[in-house]
Amino acid sequence: MPSPTLTHLTDPTSALLAPTAAVLAESFNPAEDPISGIVYAGIPDLEGFTALRFRQRLYDAVERLQVVVAEADGAPGAVMIVNPPGTMDDEPGPTPYSAELEAQTPPEVVAARNELGDALHKFEANAFGNDTYYLSFICTAPSARRRGLAGALIRSLVAQAEAAGAFVTLTTQSDENVKYYSSFGFRVIDRMDIVSRGLPMPFIAMTNRPAA
């Protein structure tokens, strides 16, 4: 199987932004993603809200962080968003979608999102520190799965971190994902249940830093 084309997105006005945001929104559909399903429950047009949320998230990430797309059939098939070293404590900036997203977000959703975000940030800061390449998001469009796209993205990030003398960290939620990331040299270093809206959600911290 030929290696997929990897493209770093650095321009928030790129024509690739819309289809890449669509990959994120489809992959983290609240009907299938447990975190989104809990935190954003009760929003009337959840599909439209999710699409807007990821347009906003991607625009901000392209401006501040690192976004890499793996192409499938000439279109974005998989995407990863990475916090480079020193950026874990940075606050998101305003985007052209911020005002609309804020207007569509009910107070109870804001509270649930902030509760989860604060707890997850503390968990990750304790597990990882601020000197790693943190794999914030990685996903593959359903139509492009089983082609090795996510694996190509992970390997490229590991190589980048190695060249910089650093390591890669991530959080995941299932033992199935733990097994997948372990195949790339990652190991579990911490686990925690974070409660949002009264429901516990498991988070598993992993790194490719060798054990001491």
C-alpha atoms as a PDB file:
ATOM      1  CA  MET A   1       0.000   0.000   0.000  1.00  0.00           C
ATOM      2  CA  PRO A   2       1.544   3.365  -1.007  1.00  0.00           C
ATOM      3  CA  SER A   3       2.207   5.925   1.701  1.00  0.00           C
ATOM      4  CA  PRO A   4      -0.546   8.546   1.912  1.00  0.00           C
ATOM      5  CA  THR A   5       0.130  12.187   1.161  1.00  0.00           C
ATOM      6  CA  LEU A   6       0.434  14.206   4.390  1.00  0.00           C
ATOM      7  CA  THR A   7      -0.326  17.926   4.296  1.00  0.00           C
ATOM      8  CA  HIS A   8       0.340  20.431   7.086  1.00  0.00           C
ATOM      9  CA  LEU A   9      -2.452  23.002   7.246  1.00  0.00           C
ATOM     10  CA  THR A  10      -1.068  26.444   8.054  1.00  0.00           C
ATOM     11  CA  ASP A  11      -3.604  28.754   6.386  1.00  0.00           C
ATOM     12  CA  PRO A  12      -7.027  29.074   8.069  1.00  0.00           C
ATOM     13  CA  THR A  13      -8.508  30.207   4.749  1.00  0.00           C
ATOM     14  CA  SER A  14      -7.330  27.060   2.903  1.00  0.00           C
ATOM     15  CA  ALA A  15      -9.876  25.228   0.768  1.00  0.00           C
ATOM     16  CA  LEU A  16      -8.950  22.097   2.727  1.00  0.00           C
ATOM     17  CA  LEU A  17     -10.378  23.487   5.964  1.00  0.00           C
ATOM     18  CA  ALA A  18     -14.055  22.767   5.249  1.00  0.00           C
ATOM     19  CA  PRO A  19     -13.621  19.110   4.199  1.00  0.00           C
ATOM     20  CA  THR A  20     -11.162  18.540   7.055  1.00  0.00           C
ATOM     21  CA  ALA A  21     -13.613  19.965   9.583  1.00  0.00           C
ATOM     22  CA  ALA A  22     -16.248  17.658   8.099  1.00  0.00           C
ATOM     23  CA  VAL A  23     -13.996  14.649   8.799  1.00  0.00           C
ATOM     24  CA  LEU A  24     -13.697  15.745  12.436  1.00  0.00           C
ATOM     25  CA  ALA A  25     -17.436  16.344  12.800  1.00  0.00           C
ATOM     26  CA  GLU A  26     -18.314  12.993  11.242  1.00  0.00           C
ATOM     27  CA  SER A  27     -15.765  11.102  13.327  1.00  0.00           C
ATOM     28  CA  PHE A  28     -16.813  12.717  16.610  1.00  0.00           C
ATOM     29  CA  ASN A  29     -20.541  12.480  15.914  1.00  0.00           C
ATOM     30  CA  PRO A  30     -22.291  12.766  19.320  1.00  0.00           C
ATOM     31  CA  ALA A  31     -24.408   9.740  18.442  1.00  0.00           C
ATOM     32  CA  GLU A  32     -21.227   7.646  18.499  1.00  0.00           C
ATOM     33  CA  ASP A  33     -18.723   9.654  20.561  1.00  0.00           C
ATOM     34  CA  PRO A  34     -19.535   9.205  24.282  1.00  0.00           C
ATOM     35  CA  ILE A  35     -17.937  12.459  25.436  1.00  0.00           C
ATOM     36  CA  SER A  36     -19.788  14.623  22.933  1.00  0.00           C
ATOM     37  CA  GLY A  37     -23.011  12.750  23.588  1.00  0.00           C
ATOM     38  CA  ILE A  38     -22.852  13.597  27.299  1.00  0.00           C
ATOM     39  CA  VAL A  39     -21.436  17.117  27.231  1.00  0.00           C
ATOM     40  CA  TYR A  40     -23.572  18.438  24.357  1.00  0.00           C
ATOM     41  CA  ALA A  41     -26.826  16.640  25.165  1.00  0.00           C
ATOM     42  CA  GLY A  42     -29.934  18.787  24.806  1.00  0.00           C
ATOM     43  CA  ILE A  43     -28.823  20.962  21.884  1.00  0.00           C
ATOM     44  CA  PRO A  44     -31.709  20.975  19.334  1.00  0.00           C
ATOM     45  CA  ASP A  45     -29.672  20.862  16.115  1.00  0.00           C
ATOM     46  CA  LEU A  46     -26.795  18.781  17.411  1.00  0.00           C
ATOM     47  CA  GLU A  47     -25.537  17.812  13.951  1.00  0.00           C
ATOM     48  CA  GLY A  48     -25.323  21.437  12.816  1.00  0.00           C
ATOM     49  CA  PHE A  49     -23.810  22.480  16.142  1.00  0.00           C
ATOM     50  CA  THR A  50     -21.150  19.772  15.881  1.00  0.00           C
ATOM     51  CA  ALA A  51     -20.208  20.900  12.370  1.00  0.00           C
ATOM     52  CA  LEU A  52     -19.877  24.501  13.579  1.00  0.00           C
ATOM     53  CA  ARG A  53     -17.903  23.429  16.660  1.00  0.00           C
ATOM     54  CA  PHE A  54     -15.298  21.652  14.580  1.00  0.00           C
ATOM     55  CA  ARG A  55     -15.021  24.472  12.043  1.00  0.00           C
ATOM     56  CA  GLN A  56     -14.231  26.724  14.987  1.00  0.00           C
ATOM     57  CA  ARG A  57     -11.861  24.191  16.578  1.00  0.00           C
ATOM     58  CA  LEU A  58      -9.966  23.557  13.359  1.00  0.00           C
ATOM     59  CA  TYR A  59      -9.621  27.240  12.453  1.00  0.00           C
ATOM     60  CA  ASP A  60      -8.120  27.930  15.888  1.00  0.00           C
ATOM     61  CA  ALA A  61      -5.825  24.896  15.672  1.00  0.00           C
ATOM     62  CA  VAL A  62      -4.470  25.903  12.266  1.00  0.00           C
ATOM     63  CA  GLU A  63      -3.618  29.342  13.643  1.00  0.00           C
ATOM     64  CA  ARG A  64      -2.040  28.209  16.936  1.00  0.00           C
ATOM     65  CA  LEU A  65      -1.139  24.518  16.877  1.00  0.00           C
ATOM     66  CA  GLN A  66      -0.208  21.831  14.344  1.00  0.00           C
ATOM     67  CA  VAL A  67      -2.734  20.261  11.966  1.00  0.00           C
ATOM     68  CA  VAL A  68      -1.807  17.469   9.564  1.00  0.00           C
ATOM     69  CA  VAL A  69      -4.128  15.839   7.035  1.00  0.00           C
ATOM     70  CA  ALA A  70      -3.697  12.462   5.340  1.00  0.00           C
ATOM     71  CA  GLU A  71      -5.339  12.341   1.933  1.00  0.00           C
ATOM     72  CA  ALA A  72      -7.506   9.540   0.566  1.00  0.00           C
ATOM     73  CA  ASP A  73      -8.638   9.665  -3.066  1.00  0.00           C
ATOM     74  CA  GLY A  74      -7.500  13.278  -3.315  1.00  0.00           C
ATOM     75  CA  ALA A  75      -9.488  14.504  -0.302  1.00  0.00           C
ATOM     76  CA  PRO A  76      -8.892  14.708   3.465  1.00  0.00           C
ATOM     77  CA  GLY A  77      -9.281  11.183   4.846  1.00  0.00           C
ATOM     78  CA  ALA A  78      -7.726  11.514   8.292  1.00  0.00           C
ATOM     79  CA  VAL A  79      -6.616  14.426  10.452  1.00  0.00           C
ATOM     80  CA  MET A  80      -4.582  14.991  13.590  1.00  0.00           C
ATOM     81  CA  ILE A  81      -4.320  18.071  15.775  1.00  0.00           C
ATOM     82  CA  VAL A  82      -1.200  18.357  17.924  1.00  0.00           C
ATOM     83  CA  ASN A  83      -0.202  20.661  20.762  1.00  0.00           C
ATOM     84  CA  PRO A  84       3.554  21.190  20.303  1.00  0.00           C
ATOM     85  CA  PRO A  85       5.732  21.504  23.432  1.00  0.00           C
ATOM     86  CA  GLY A  86       4.920  24.566  25.520  1.00  0.00           C
ATOM     87  CA  THR A  87       1.354  25.046  24.253  1.00  0.00           C
ATOM     88  CA  MET A  88      -0.744  22.927  26.633  1.00  0.00           C
ATOM     89  CA  ASP A  89      -1.655  25.941  28.767  1.00  0.00           C
ATOM     90  CA  ASP A  90      -2.461  28.257  25.853  1.00  0.00           C
ATOM     91  CA  GLU A  91      -6.012  29.573  25.577  1.00  0.00           C
ATOM     92  CA  PRO A  92      -7.942  29.297  22.270  1.00  0.00           C
ATOM     93  CA  GLY A  93      -8.189  32.504  20.296  1.00  0.00           C
ATOM     94  CA  PRO A  94     -11.218  34.075  18.591  1.00  0.00           C
ATOM     95  CA  THR A  95     -12.251  32.802  15.166  1.00  0.00           C
ATOM     96  CA  PRO A  96     -14.894  33.831  12.606  1.00  0.00           C
ATOM     97  CA  TYR A  97     -17.124  31.120  14.140  1.00  0.00           C
ATOM     98  CA  SER A  98     -16.730  32.030  17.814  1.00  0.00           C
ATOM     99  CA  ALA A  99     -19.693  34.389  18.183  1.00  0.00           C
ATOM    100  CA  GLU A 100     -22.127  32.066  16.399  1.00  0.00           C
ATOM    101  CA  LEU A 101     -20.945  29.082  18.415  1.00  0.00           C
ATOM    102  CA  GLU A 102     -21.282  30.971  21.687  1.00  0.00           C
ATOM    103  CA  ALA A 103     -24.811  32.057  20.772  1.00  0.00           C
ATOM    104  CA  GLN A 104     -25.819  28.439  20.102  1.00  0.00           C
ATOM    105  CA  THR A 105     -24.323  27.013  23.308  1.00  0.00           C
ATOM    106  CA  PRO A 106     -26.780  26.804  26.256  1.00  0.00           C
ATOM    107  CA  PRO A 107     -25.460  27.715  29.740  1.00  0.00           C
ATOM    108  CA  GLU A 108     -25.740  24.127  30.977  1.00  0.00           C
ATOM    109  CA  VAL A 109     -23.585  22.937  28.075  1.00  0.00           C
ATOM    110  CA  VAL A 110     -21.012  25.650  28.798  1.00  0.00           C
ATOM    111  CA  ALA A 111     -20.907  24.493  32.423  1.00  0.00           C
ATOM    112  CA  ALA A 112     -20.522  20.820  31.453  1.00  0.00           C
ATOM    113  CA  ARG A 113     -17.845  21.611  28.872  1.00  0.00           C
ATOM    114  CA  ASN A 114     -15.871  23.744  31.324  1.00  0.00           C
ATOM    115  CA  GLU A 115     -16.183  21.156  34.086  1.00  0.00           C
ATOM    116  CA  LEU A 116     -14.822  18.439  31.828  1.00  0.00           C
ATOM    117  CA  GLY A 117     -12.160  20.673  30.300  1.00  0.00           C
ATOM    118  CA  ASP A 118     -10.790  21.812  33.662  1.00  0.00           C
ATOM    119  CA  ALA A 119     -10.652  18.280  35.072  1.00  0.00           C
ATOM    120  CA  LEU A 120      -9.073  16.855  31.919  1.00  0.00           C
ATOM    121  CA  HIS A 121      -6.470  19.627  31.796  1.00  0.00           C
ATOM    122  CA  LYS A 122      -5.409  18.904  35.393  1.00  0.00           C
ATOM    123  CA  PHE A 123      -5.218  15.182  34.652  1.00  0.00           C
ATOM    124  CA  GLU A 124      -3.108  15.734  31.531  1.00  0.00           C
ATOM    125  CA  ALA A 125      -0.852  18.333  33.165  1.00  0.00           C
ATOM    126  CA  ASN A 126      -0.112  15.933  36.004  1.00  0.00           C
ATOM    127  CA  ALA A 127       0.481  12.999  33.646  1.00  0.00           C
ATOM    128  CA  PHE A 128       2.425  14.748  30.875  1.00  0.00           C
ATOM    129  CA  GLY A 129       3.774  18.153  31.873  1.00  0.00           C
ATOM    130  CA  ASN A 130       4.140  20.790  29.155  1.00  0.00           C
ATOM    131  CA  ASP A 131       7.164  19.589  27.193  1.00  0.00           C
ATOM    132  CA  THR A 132       5.694  16.894  24.933  1.00  0.00           C
ATOM    133  CA  TYR A 133       3.922  16.714  21.598  1.00  0.00           C
ATOM    134  CA  TYR A 134       0.354  16.142  22.770  1.00  0.00           C
ATOM    135  CA  LEU A 135      -1.885  14.334  20.277  1.00  0.00           C
ATOM    136  CA  SER A 136      -5.091  16.267  20.908  1.00  0.00           C
ATOM    137  CA  PHE A 137      -7.270  14.841  18.109  1.00  0.00           C
ATOM    138  CA  ILE A 138      -6.823  12.078  15.575  1.00  0.00           C
ATOM    139  CA  CYS A 139      -9.576  10.552  13.474  1.00  0.00           C
ATOM    140  CA  THR A 140     -10.343   8.965  10.127  1.00  0.00           C
ATOM    141  CA  ALA A 141     -13.428   9.453   7.987  1.00  0.00           C
ATOM    142  CA  PRO A 142     -15.543   6.270   8.012  1.00  0.00           C
ATOM    143  CA  SER A 143     -15.154   5.935   4.233  1.00  0.00           C
ATOM    144  CA  ALA A 144     -11.335   6.063   4.496  1.00  0.00           C
ATOM    145  CA  ARG A 145     -10.743   3.637   7.354  1.00  0.00           C
ATOM    146  CA  ARG A 146      -8.526   0.537   7.136  1.00  0.00           C
ATOM    147  CA  ARG A 147      -6.091   2.278   4.795  1.00  0.00           C
ATOM    148  CA  GLY A 148      -3.365   3.090   7.323  1.00  0.00           C
ATOM    149  CA  LEU A 149      -4.008   6.842   7.288  1.00  0.00           C
ATOM    150  CA  ALA A 150      -4.071   7.338  11.063  1.00  0.00           C
ATOM    151  CA  GLY A 151      -1.012   5.143  11.422  1.00  0.00           C
ATOM    152  CA  ALA A 152       0.876   7.285   8.920  1.00  0.00           C
ATOM    153  CA  LEU A 153      -0.038  10.404  10.898  1.00  0.00           C
ATOM    154  CA  ILE A 154       1.104   8.855  14.186  1.00  0.00           C
ATOM    155  CA  ARG A 155       4.406   7.685  12.728  1.00  0.00           C
ATOM    156  CA  SER A 156       5.073  11.137  11.295  1.00  0.00           C
ATOM    157  CA  LEU A 157       4.449  12.720  14.707  1.00  0.00           C
ATOM    158  CA  VAL A 158       6.683  10.215  16.510  1.00  0.00           C
ATOM    159  CA  ALA A 159       9.468  10.936  14.003  1.00  0.00           C
ATOM    160  CA  GLN A 160       9.019  14.688  14.470  1.00  0.00           C
ATOM    161  CA  ALA A 161       9.203  14.349  18.251  1.00  0.00           C
ATOM    162  CA  GLU A 162      12.269  12.111  18.067  1.00  0.00           C
ATOM    163  CA  ALA A 163      14.045  14.645  15.856  1.00  0.00           C
ATOM    164  CA  ALA A 164      13.323  17.314  18.477  1.00  0.00           C
ATOM    165  CA  GLY A 165      14.450  15.108  21.375  1.00  0.00           C
ATOM    166  CA  ALA A 166      10.911  14.961  22.758  1.00  0.00           C
ATOM    167  CA  PHE A 167       8.107  12.451  23.265  1.00  0.00           C
ATOM    168  CA  VAL A 168       4.456  12.109  22.247  1.00  0.00           C
ATOM    169  CA  THR A 169       1.544  11.934  24.700  1.00  0.00           C
ATOM    170  CA  LEU A 170      -2.189  11.354  24.315  1.00  0.00           C
ATOM    171  CA  THR A 171      -5.361  10.443  26.164  1.00  0.00           C
ATOM    172  CA  THR A 172      -7.870   7.859  25.048  1.00  0.00           C
ATOM    173  CA  GLN A 173     -10.974   6.211  26.446  1.00  0.00           C
ATOM    174  CA  SER A 174     -11.008   2.532  25.605  1.00  0.00           C
ATOM    175  CA  ASP A 175      -8.838  -0.544  25.990  1.00  0.00           C
ATOM    176  CA  GLU A 176      -9.299  -1.142  22.262  1.00  0.00           C
ATOM    177  CA  ASN A 177      -7.597   2.186  21.570  1.00  0.00           C
ATOM    178  CA  VAL A 178      -4.902   1.371  24.130  1.00  0.00           C
ATOM    179  CA  LYS A 179      -4.082  -1.764  22.153  1.00  0.00           C
ATOM    180  CA  TYR A 180      -3.924   0.260  18.926  1.00  0.00           C
ATOM    181  CA  TYR A 181      -1.596   2.930  20.318  1.00  0.00           C
ATOM    182  CA  SER A 182       0.554   0.282  22.003  1.00  0.00           C
ATOM    183  CA  SER A 183       1.387  -1.027  18.528  1.00  0.00           C
ATOM    184  CA  PHE A 184       3.189   2.290  17.915  1.00  0.00           C
ATOM    185  CA  GLY A 185       5.233   2.052  21.123  1.00  0.00           C
ATOM    186  CA  PHE A 186       2.907   3.855  23.536  1.00  0.00           C
ATOM    187  CA  ARG A 187       2.282   2.702  27.108  1.00  0.00           C
ATOM    188  CA  VAL A 188      -0.299   3.576  29.766  1.00  0.00           C
ATOM    189  CA  ILE A 189       0.936   5.868  32.540  1.00  0.00           C
ATOM    190  CA  ASP A 190      -2.293   6.893  34.293  1.00  0.00           C
ATOM    191  CA  ARG A 191      -6.058   6.366  34.373  1.00  0.00           C
ATOM    192  CA  MET A 192      -8.887   8.466  35.769  1.00  0.00           C
ATOM    193  CA  ASP A 193     -12.678   8.659  35.677  1.00  0.00           C
ATOM    194  CA  ILE A 194     -13.819  12.245  35.078  1.00  0.00           C
ATOM    195  CA  VAL A 195     -17.430  13.049  35.946  1.00  0.00           C
ATOM    196  CA  SER A 196     -19.528  15.301  33.700  1.00  0.00           C
ATOM    197  CA  ARG A 197     -23.247  15.827  34.238  1.00  0.00           C
ATOM    198  CA  GLY A 198     -23.083  13.151  36.901  1.00  0.00           C
ATOM    199  CA  LEU A 199     -21.723  10.502  34.530  1.00  0.00           C
ATOM    200  CA  PRO A 200     -18.204   9.052  34.852  1.00  0.00           C
ATOM    201  CA  MET A 201     -16.046   8.960  31.734  1.00  0.00           C
ATOM    202  CA  PRO A 202     -12.778   6.984  31.666  1.00  0.00           C
ATOM    203  CA  PHE A 203      -9.592   8.678  30.481  1.00  0.00           C
ATOM    204  CA  ILE A 204      -6.339   6.821  29.894  1.00  0.00           C
ATOM    205  CA  ALA A 205      -3.025   8.690  29.598  1.00  0.00           C
ATOM    206  CA  MET A 206      -0.360   7.237  27.301  1.00  0.00           C
ATOM    207  CA  THR A 207       3.153   8.177  26.192  1.00  0.00           C
ATOM    208  CA  ASN A 208       5.918   6.771  24.031  1.00  0.00           C
ATOM    209  CA  ARG A 209       8.495   7.867  26.620  1.00  0.00           C
ATOM    210  CA  PRO A 210      10.262   4.687  27.824  1.00  0.00           C
ATOM    211  CA  ALA A 211       9.602   3.588  31.392  1.00  0.00           C
ATOM    212  CA  ALA A 212      12.293   4.638  33.865  1.00  0.00           C
END
